[in-house]
Amino acid sequence: MTTPAQQVHELSRRLIALLEQGEPTGSEAIALRGELAVATARAGQLEDAFFQADELLKDAQRERGPEHADVDAARGVVDQVERIARETLGASGDIQS
């Protein structure tokens, strides 16, 4: 089993390779960017994960329009990152119930 940090590294490597081929906002790139944002959150890099998820959503909306499936997927990524952050911060006692 890989660690969250290893997942971030592997996903980053795959994304760089994909972006070198073009299509920075294609469906495959959007999906991979979403995976990377979630992995980044799981690795505890919440600020980076929120930035990635927010940028992903903005890019998907700009390129695809508000009703496209890729935009729905990007919204799901934002939700996942928010959930991971709540779980992480709740576990460390940094937020109040």
Protein backbone atom coordinates (compact mmCIF):
# COMPACT_ATOMS: atom_id res chain seq x y z
CA MET A 1 0.00 0.00 0.00
CA THR A 2 1.32 3.42 -0.87
CA THR A 3 1.40 6.34 1.51
CA PRO A 4 -0.49 9.57 0.78
CA ALA A 5 2.82 11.31 0.03
CA GLN A 6 3.74 8.57 -2.46
CA GLN A 7 0.33 8.94 -4.11
CA VAL A 8 0.86 12.70 -4.44
CA HIS A 9 4.24 12.08 -6.04
CA GLU A 10 2.91 9.48 -8.49
CA LEU A 11 -0.15 11.54 -9.44
CA SER A 12 2.03 14.63 -9.92
CA ARG A 13 4.33 12.66 -12.20
CA ARG A 14 1.37 11.37 -14.24
CA LEU A 15 -0.16 14.84 -14.49
CA ILE A 16 3.09 16.39 -15.68
CA ALA A 17 3.40 13.71 -18.37
CA LEU A 18 -0.20 14.30 -19.45
CA LEU A 19 0.21 18.08 -19.55
CA GLU A 20 3.32 17.74 -21.70
CA GLN A 21 1.03 16.18 -24.32
CA GLY A 22 -1.38 19.14 -24.18
CA GLU A 23 -5.04 19.29 -23.15
CA PRO A 24 -4.61 20.92 -19.72
CA THR A 25 -8.37 21.07 -19.27
CA GLY A 26 -9.37 17.85 -21.04
CA SER A 27 -11.50 15.34 -19.16
CA GLU A 28 -8.52 13.13 -18.36
CA ALA A 29 -6.52 16.06 -16.98
CA ILE A 30 -9.50 17.25 -14.93
CA ALA A 31 -9.94 13.78 -13.44
CA LEU A 32 -6.24 13.45 -12.66
CA ARG A 33 -6.10 16.91 -11.11
CA GLY A 34 -9.04 15.92 -8.92
CA GLU A 35 -7.26 12.76 -7.78
CA LEU A 36 -4.18 14.84 -7.00
CA ALA A 37 -6.15 17.37 -4.93
CA VAL A 38 -7.74 14.58 -2.87
CA ALA A 39 -4.40 12.81 -2.39
CA THR A 40 -2.83 16.10 -1.36
CA ALA A 41 -5.54 16.57 1.28
CA ARG A 42 -5.02 13.02 2.54
CA ALA A 43 -1.29 13.79 2.81
CA GLY A 44 -2.22 16.61 5.20
CA GLN A 45 -1.37 19.44 2.81
CA LEU A 46 -4.77 21.05 3.19
CA GLU A 47 -3.92 24.54 1.95
CA ASP A 48 -2.44 23.12 -1.25
CA ALA A 49 -5.39 20.75 -1.65
CA PHE A 50 -7.92 23.58 -1.32
CA PHE A 51 -6.01 25.66 -3.87
CA GLN A 52 -5.87 22.74 -6.32
CA ALA A 53 -9.58 21.94 -5.90
CA ASP A 54 -10.63 25.58 -6.29
CA GLU A 55 -8.50 26.07 -9.40
CA LEU A 56 -9.79 22.83 -10.84
CA LEU A 57 -13.39 23.94 -10.39
CA LYS A 58 -12.72 27.35 -11.94
CA ASP A 59 -10.92 25.81 -14.93
CA ALA A 60 -13.63 23.20 -15.50
CA GLN A 61 -16.39 25.82 -15.33
CA ARG A 62 -14.56 28.15 -17.70
CA GLU A 63 -13.76 25.43 -20.24
CA ARG A 64 -16.89 23.28 -20.03
CA GLY A 65 -19.73 25.47 -18.77
CA PRO A 66 -21.59 25.12 -15.48
CA GLU A 67 -23.67 22.06 -16.38
CA HIS A 68 -20.97 19.74 -17.74
CA ALA A 69 -20.16 16.41 -16.04
CA ASP A 70 -16.54 17.49 -15.56
CA VAL A 71 -17.76 20.46 -13.53
CA ASP A 72 -19.88 18.15 -11.38
CA ALA A 73 -16.80 15.99 -10.84
CA ALA A 74 -14.77 19.05 -9.86
CA ARG A 75 -17.46 20.06 -7.36
CA GLY A 76 -17.23 16.56 -5.93
CA VAL A 77 -13.48 17.04 -5.49
CA VAL A 78 -14.07 20.28 -3.59
CA ASP A 79 -16.53 18.42 -1.36
CA GLN A 80 -14.05 15.58 -0.76
CA VAL A 81 -11.26 17.98 0.16
CA GLU A 82 -13.59 19.81 2.54
CA ARG A 83 -14.62 16.51 4.15
CA ILE A 84 -11.01 15.39 4.57
CA ALA A 85 -10.14 18.77 6.10
CA ARG A 86 -13.03 18.52 8.58
CA GLU A 87 -11.98 14.99 9.54
CA THR A 88 -8.32 15.99 9.86
CA LEU A 89 -8.99 19.12 11.85
CA GLY A 90 -11.62 17.41 13.98
CA ALA A 91 -9.22 14.58 14.81
CA SER A 92 -6.55 17.03 15.90
CA GLY A 93 -8.98 19.03 18.02
CA ASP A 94 -8.55 22.20 15.98
CA ILE A 95 -12.27 22.67 15.42
CA GLN A 96 -15.17 22.67 17.82
CA SER A 97 -18.30 20.56 17.38
